[in-house]
Each structure stands twice: as C-alpha cells, then as structure tokens.
N, C-alpha and C. Protein backbone atom coordinates (compact mmCIF):
# COMPACT_ATOMS: atom_id res chain seq x y z
N MET A 1 0.92 -1.35 0.03
CA MET A 1 -0.24 0.00 0.11
C MET A 1 0.77 1.28 0.23
N SER A 2 0.66 2.07 -0.47
CA SER A 2 1.52 3.41 -0.91
C SER A 2 0.80 4.21 0.12
N LYS A 3 1.87 5.09 0.81
CA LYS A 3 2.09 6.37 1.80
C LYS A 3 1.27 7.20 1.70
N LYS A 4 -0.10 7.82 2.66
CA LYS A 4 -0.64 8.50 2.20
C LYS A 4 0.05 10.41 2.65
N PHE A 5 -0.16 11.23 1.98
CA PHE A 5 0.30 12.16 2.49
C PHE A 5 -1.20 13.05 2.91
N ARG A 6 -0.36 14.06 3.44
CA ARG A 6 -1.57 14.90 4.10
C ARG A 6 -1.37 16.03 3.40
N VAL A 7 -3.02 16.51 2.80
CA VAL A 7 -2.95 17.59 2.07
C VAL A 7 -3.54 18.77 2.92
N VAL A 8 -2.76 20.21 2.83
CA VAL A 8 -3.12 21.24 3.99
C VAL A 8 -3.67 22.47 2.67
N ILE A 9 -4.71 23.05 3.07
CA ILE A 9 -5.70 23.77 2.14
C ILE A 9 -5.59 24.98 2.81
N PRO A 10 -4.79 26.06 3.30
CA PRO A 10 -4.89 27.28 3.30
C PRO A 10 -6.19 27.68 3.43
N PRO A 11 -6.33 28.77 4.10
CA PRO A 11 -7.34 29.83 4.37
C PRO A 11 -7.31 30.50 2.70
N SER A 12 -6.42 31.39 2.51
CA SER A 12 -6.42 31.78 1.67
C SER A 12 -7.22 31.07 0.14
N VAL A 13 -6.67 29.54 0.02
CA VAL A 13 -7.48 28.55 -1.20
C VAL A 13 -8.83 28.30 -0.79
N LYS A 14 -8.99 28.27 0.51
CA LYS A 14 -10.49 28.14 0.60
C LYS A 14 -11.43 29.29 0.36
N LYS A 15 -10.87 30.11 0.45
CA LYS A 15 -11.49 31.82 -0.36
C LYS A 15 -11.40 31.78 -1.14
N ASP A 16 -10.36 31.25 -2.51
CA ASP A 16 -10.55 31.00 -3.82
C ASP A 16 -11.45 30.17 -4.19
N LEU A 17 -11.83 28.89 -3.67
CA LEU A 17 -12.60 28.09 -3.55
C LEU A 17 -13.87 28.50 -3.50
N ARG A 18 -14.05 28.92 -2.13
CA ARG A 18 -15.78 29.98 -1.55
C ARG A 18 -16.21 31.02 -3.30
N ASP A 19 -14.96 31.50 -3.53
CA ASP A 19 -15.33 32.73 -4.89
C ASP A 19 -15.71 31.79 -6.16
N ILE A 20 -14.94 30.94 -6.34
CA ILE A 20 -15.66 30.14 -7.70
C ILE A 20 -16.55 29.80 -7.41
N VAL A 21 -17.18 28.94 -6.14
CA VAL A 21 -18.12 28.22 -5.84
C VAL A 21 -19.28 29.54 -6.14
N GLU A 22 -18.97 30.75 -5.27
CA GLU A 22 -20.11 31.92 -5.54
C GLU A 22 -20.17 32.61 -6.92
N TYR A 23 -19.30 32.62 -7.65
CA TYR A 23 -19.31 32.96 -8.87
C TYR A 23 -20.39 32.59 -9.61
N TYR A 24 -20.19 30.81 -9.95
CA TYR A 24 -21.08 29.86 -10.55
C TYR A 24 -22.30 29.82 -10.26
N TYR A 25 -22.44 29.99 -8.63
CA TYR A 25 -23.72 29.54 -8.04
C TYR A 25 -25.15 30.57 -8.40
N GLU A 26 -24.59 31.87 -8.69
CA GLU A 26 -25.34 32.95 -9.32
C GLU A 26 -26.04 32.42 -10.48
N VAL A 27 -25.40 32.11 -11.54
CA VAL A 27 -25.75 31.34 -12.86
C VAL A 27 -26.18 29.83 -12.72
N ASN A 28 -25.50 29.22 -12.20
CA ASN A 28 -26.14 27.92 -12.40
C ASN A 28 -25.74 26.74 -11.28
N GLN A 29 -26.58 26.46 -10.31
CA GLN A 29 -25.97 26.00 -8.94
C GLN A 29 -25.58 24.78 -9.19
N GLN A 30 -26.20 24.30 -9.78
CA GLN A 30 -25.94 22.58 -10.33
C GLN A 30 -24.44 22.39 -10.94
N TYR A 31 -24.03 23.56 -11.60
CA TYR A 31 -22.50 23.86 -12.07
C TYR A 31 -21.50 24.08 -11.25
N SER A 32 -22.21 24.67 -10.11
CA SER A 32 -21.32 25.48 -8.90
C SER A 32 -21.01 24.04 -8.33
N ARG A 33 -21.72 23.36 -7.62
CA ARG A 33 -21.86 22.09 -6.93
C ARG A 33 -20.87 20.80 -7.76
N LYS A 34 -21.00 20.94 -9.03
CA LYS A 34 -20.13 19.89 -9.77
C LYS A 34 -18.65 20.59 -10.21
N ILE A 35 -18.38 21.73 -9.94
CA ILE A 35 -17.13 22.30 -10.43
C ILE A 35 -16.12 21.99 -8.78
N PHE A 36 -16.85 21.89 -8.13
CA PHE A 36 -16.22 22.49 -6.53
C PHE A 36 -16.22 20.85 -6.44
N GLY A 37 -17.02 20.03 -6.38
CA GLY A 37 -16.73 18.39 -6.42
C GLY A 37 -15.45 18.01 -7.03
N LYS A 38 -15.20 18.32 -8.33
CA LYS A 38 -14.36 18.00 -9.27
C LYS A 38 -13.01 18.25 -8.74
N ILE A 39 -12.94 19.66 -8.58
CA ILE A 39 -11.91 20.19 -7.49
C ILE A 39 -11.42 19.42 -6.32
N VAL A 40 -12.16 19.89 -5.76
CA VAL A 40 -12.14 18.43 -4.31
C VAL A 40 -11.54 16.88 -4.64
N GLU A 41 -12.59 16.47 -5.88
CA GLU A 41 -11.54 15.00 -5.59
C GLU A 41 -10.49 15.02 -6.10
N ARG A 42 -10.31 16.05 -7.36
CA ARG A 42 -8.53 16.34 -7.85
C ARG A 42 -7.59 16.46 -6.70
N ILE A 43 -8.01 17.05 -5.66
CA ILE A 43 -7.04 17.56 -4.67
C ILE A 43 -7.34 16.21 -3.72
N SER A 44 -7.84 15.80 -3.32
CA SER A 44 -7.73 14.23 -2.94
C SER A 44 -6.79 13.07 -3.40
N GLU A 45 -7.04 13.15 -4.75
CA GLU A 45 -5.99 12.32 -5.52
C GLU A 45 -4.66 12.61 -4.97
N LEU A 46 -4.11 13.80 -4.76
CA LEU A 46 -2.57 13.74 -4.18
C LEU A 46 -2.36 13.24 -3.03
N GLU A 47 -3.23 12.61 -2.44
CA GLU A 47 -2.53 12.02 -0.85
C GLU A 47 -2.42 10.75 -0.98
N GLY A 48 -2.47 10.24 -2.35
CA GLY A 48 -2.37 9.05 -2.42
C GLY A 48 -0.64 9.18 -3.34
N PHE A 49 -1.01 10.08 -4.72
CA PHE A 49 -0.43 10.33 -5.86
C PHE A 49 0.26 11.41 -6.12
N PRO A 50 1.29 12.20 -5.01
CA PRO A 50 1.46 13.32 -5.11
C PRO A 50 2.14 13.76 -6.17
N GLU A 51 2.89 12.70 -6.77
CA GLU A 51 3.76 13.28 -7.89
C GLU A 51 2.87 13.38 -9.25
N LYS A 52 1.30 12.79 -9.28
CA LYS A 52 0.56 12.93 -10.44
C LYS A 52 0.96 14.17 -11.25
N GLY A 53 1.02 15.51 -10.69
CA GLY A 53 1.13 16.71 -11.40
C GLY A 53 2.39 16.79 -12.24
N ARG A 54 2.20 17.80 -12.91
CA ARG A 54 3.34 18.43 -13.78
C ARG A 54 3.87 19.73 -13.11
N VAL A 55 5.34 20.06 -13.88
CA VAL A 55 5.63 21.40 -12.84
C VAL A 55 5.18 22.13 -13.81
N VAL A 56 4.58 23.93 -13.22
CA VAL A 56 3.94 24.47 -13.29
C VAL A 56 4.64 25.43 -14.53
N PRO A 57 4.50 25.14 -15.65
CA PRO A 57 5.20 25.57 -17.01
C PRO A 57 5.93 27.23 -17.03
N GLU A 58 4.60 28.35 -15.88
CA GLU A 58 5.50 29.49 -16.08
C GLU A 58 6.03 29.64 -15.06
N LEU A 59 6.45 28.49 -13.78
CA LEU A 59 7.12 29.17 -12.96
C LEU A 59 8.39 28.32 -13.30
N ARG A 60 8.17 27.07 -13.97
CA ARG A 60 9.64 26.49 -14.78
C ARG A 60 10.49 27.52 -15.56
N ASP A 61 9.64 28.50 -15.98
CA ASP A 61 9.92 29.31 -16.87
C ASP A 61 11.27 30.44 -16.02
N HIS A 62 10.97 30.48 -14.93
CA HIS A 62 11.45 31.27 -14.07
C HIS A 62 12.50 30.40 -12.93
N ASN A 63 12.80 29.36 -13.63
CA ASN A 63 13.53 28.36 -13.05
C ASN A 63 13.05 27.48 -11.59
N ILE A 64 12.02 27.92 -11.21
CA ILE A 64 11.29 27.94 -10.12
C ILE A 64 10.26 26.27 -10.55
N VAL A 65 11.27 25.21 -9.63
CA VAL A 65 10.57 23.67 -10.18
C VAL A 65 10.08 23.01 -8.95
N THR A 66 10.03 23.56 -7.84
CA THR A 66 9.18 22.80 -6.89
C THR A 66 7.85 23.15 -6.75
N TYR A 67 7.23 23.79 -7.60
CA TYR A 67 5.24 24.05 -7.97
C TYR A 67 5.03 22.94 -8.96
N LYS A 68 3.77 22.29 -8.42
CA LYS A 68 3.34 21.41 -9.23
C LYS A 68 2.04 21.53 -9.36
N GLU A 69 0.96 21.29 -10.43
CA GLU A 69 -0.02 21.59 -10.52
C GLU A 69 -0.86 20.01 -11.28
N LEU A 70 -2.10 20.67 -10.71
CA LEU A 70 -3.35 19.42 -11.65
C LEU A 70 -4.18 20.13 -12.47
N ILE A 71 -4.52 19.66 -13.42
CA ILE A 71 -6.00 20.67 -14.21
C ILE A 71 -7.52 19.92 -14.25
N GLU A 72 -7.69 21.11 -13.97
CA GLU A 72 -9.19 20.51 -13.44
C GLU A 72 -10.06 21.59 -14.90
N GLU A 73 -9.94 21.58 -15.66
CA GLU A 73 -10.83 22.32 -16.85
C GLU A 73 -11.85 23.34 -16.11
N PRO A 74 -11.52 24.44 -16.08
CA PRO A 74 -10.34 25.55 -16.34
C PRO A 74 -9.60 26.05 -15.44
N TYR A 75 -9.92 25.19 -14.65
CA TYR A 75 -8.98 25.73 -13.26
C TYR A 75 -7.50 24.90 -13.13
N ARG A 76 -6.75 25.14 -12.38
CA ARG A 76 -5.15 24.58 -12.17
C ARG A 76 -5.02 24.98 -10.72
N ILE A 77 -4.79 23.67 -10.32
CA ILE A 77 -4.71 23.25 -8.70
C ILE A 77 -3.47 23.26 -8.67
N ILE A 78 -2.62 24.41 -7.71
CA ILE A 78 -1.34 24.46 -7.97
C ILE A 78 -0.53 24.12 -6.53
N TYR A 79 0.23 22.92 -6.03
CA TYR A 79 0.85 22.52 -5.51
C TYR A 79 2.29 22.58 -4.90
N LYS A 80 2.54 22.59 -3.84
CA LYS A 80 3.91 21.82 -3.53
C LYS A 80 4.51 20.93 -2.54
N ILE A 81 4.77 19.91 -2.25
CA ILE A 81 5.17 18.32 -1.55
C ILE A 81 6.02 19.42 -0.95
N SER A 82 5.86 18.73 0.41
CA SER A 82 7.27 19.11 1.61
C SER A 82 6.76 17.85 2.45
N ASN A 83 8.31 17.03 2.22
CA ASN A 83 7.88 15.84 3.06
C ASN A 83 6.91 14.84 2.97
N GLU A 84 5.85 14.85 4.18
CA GLU A 84 4.67 14.13 3.81
C GLU A 84 3.75 14.45 3.77
N GLU A 85 3.85 16.06 3.18
CA GLU A 85 2.83 17.11 2.99
C GLU A 85 2.51 17.98 1.64
N ILE A 86 0.97 17.71 1.73
CA ILE A 86 0.91 18.49 0.37
C ILE A 86 0.16 19.90 0.81
N LEU A 87 1.04 21.51 0.38
CA LEU A 87 0.86 22.11 0.54
C LEU A 87 -0.27 22.69 -0.66
N ILE A 88 -1.58 23.11 -0.88
CA ILE A 88 -2.72 23.62 -2.09
C ILE A 88 -1.87 25.39 -1.69
N VAL A 89 -1.51 25.73 -2.76
CA VAL A 89 -0.88 27.09 -2.57
C VAL A 89 -2.14 27.83 -3.74
N ALA A 90 -2.90 27.71 -4.94
CA ALA A 90 -3.40 28.33 -5.40
C ALA A 90 -4.73 27.50 -6.24
N VAL A 91 -5.42 27.74 -6.53
CA VAL A 91 -6.92 27.41 -7.46
C VAL A 91 -7.37 28.55 -7.96
N ILE A 92 -6.42 28.45 -9.41
CA ILE A 92 -6.43 29.57 -10.72
C ILE A 92 -7.32 29.08 -11.32
N ASP A 93 -8.46 30.17 -12.26
CA ASP A 93 -8.75 30.11 -13.49
C ASP A 93 -7.55 29.97 -14.71
N GLY A 94 -7.42 29.25 -15.51
CA GLY A 94 -6.59 29.02 -16.20
C GLY A 94 -6.55 30.23 -17.59
N ARG A 95 -7.92 30.34 -17.54
CA ARG A 95 -8.10 31.90 -18.50
C ARG A 95 -7.55 32.67 -18.27
N ARG A 96 -6.82 33.17 -16.86
CA ARG A 96 -6.55 33.85 -16.39
C ARG A 96 -4.84 34.13 -16.74
N ASN A 97 -4.25 35.89 -16.04
CA ASN A 97 -2.43 35.67 -16.64
C ASN A 97 -2.33 34.64 -15.31
N VAL A 98 -1.96 33.57 -15.23
CA VAL A 98 -1.64 32.53 -14.22
C VAL A 98 -0.46 33.08 -13.45
N GLU A 99 0.50 33.40 -14.83
CA GLU A 99 2.34 33.67 -14.50
C GLU A 99 2.01 35.00 -13.25
N GLU A 100 1.45 35.82 -13.76
CA GLU A 100 1.12 37.14 -12.98
C GLU A 100 0.41 36.81 -11.76
N ILE A 101 -0.43 36.45 -11.46
CA ILE A 101 -1.07 35.35 -10.20
C ILE A 101 -0.37 34.84 -9.09
N LEU A 102 0.38 33.77 -9.90
CA LEU A 102 0.97 33.07 -9.24
C LEU A 102 2.25 33.71 -8.69
N ILE A 103 3.19 34.50 -9.33
CA ILE A 103 4.34 35.42 -8.60
C ILE A 103 4.05 35.92 -7.66
N ARG A 104 2.61 36.67 -7.72
CA ARG A 104 2.29 37.48 -7.05
C ARG A 104 1.75 37.29 -5.38
N LYS A 105 1.24 35.70 -5.48
CA LYS A 105 1.02 35.26 -4.38
C LYS A 105 2.24 34.37 -3.90
N LEU A 106 3.05 34.25 -4.41
CA LEU A 106 3.99 33.46 -3.77
C LEU A 106 5.25 34.34 -3.46
N GLN A 107 5.37 35.43 -3.69
CA GLN A 107 6.15 36.59 -2.91
C GLN A 107 5.39 37.25 -1.85
N ARG A 108 4.04 37.01 -1.26
CA ARG A 108 3.38 36.83 -0.13
C ARG A 108 3.89 36.23 0.81
N LYS A 109 4.50 35.17 0.24
CA LYS A 109 4.89 34.01 1.48
C LYS A 109 5.96 34.13 2.15
C-alpha cells in the first residue's frame, strides 16, 4: 500500500474555492456544485499520488520547479510537496494570467 500524504488547504485557497463556487452559483447552482466537487476530488487524489501533477510551466520558465499542478478545466490546482505534506498554494482559473497571479501569491509568502 502506498504512503498517504496529508493535504493542507490554507485559508487563502479556501477563499479562492468559495469565490469560484459563489461566482457560478449565481448562474447555475448545479454547475457550481459540480465544479467544486471535481476540484475537491482532484485535490484528494494527491493524498496517494503527490507526484501526479506536472511542474508549473510558467514557474519553470523562472527556474522554479518546486511547484506542481493538476488541471481540472478550466482550473489549475497549484501545490508543493514537502516531506509527507502537500500544500495547496492556489486554485486559479487557467484563462487568466496565471504567471502574474502565481508570482504575486508566492511573493506574499
């Protein structure tokens, strides 16, 4: 049996998720629940398979290779593996300027 990793979702990412749900809830409640469920499902997959994602291309271009991502169209789930813990850094709409958003978020840390 493979080792289980602990997934950590900080308050800032929980807020990102709430914002996504609230945005779609006004338009289509069913879709809002569906996209939330899919994002949560993708995040939970990391418990058993933390290496599943790819290195974030926009960060790799800056020689930053410690962050990985999973895609749940149109969202990108950005995370970092540390020991037996997975820190979810952001859930970002991939249609936005992901590079700018990520660099701004990482500079705040």
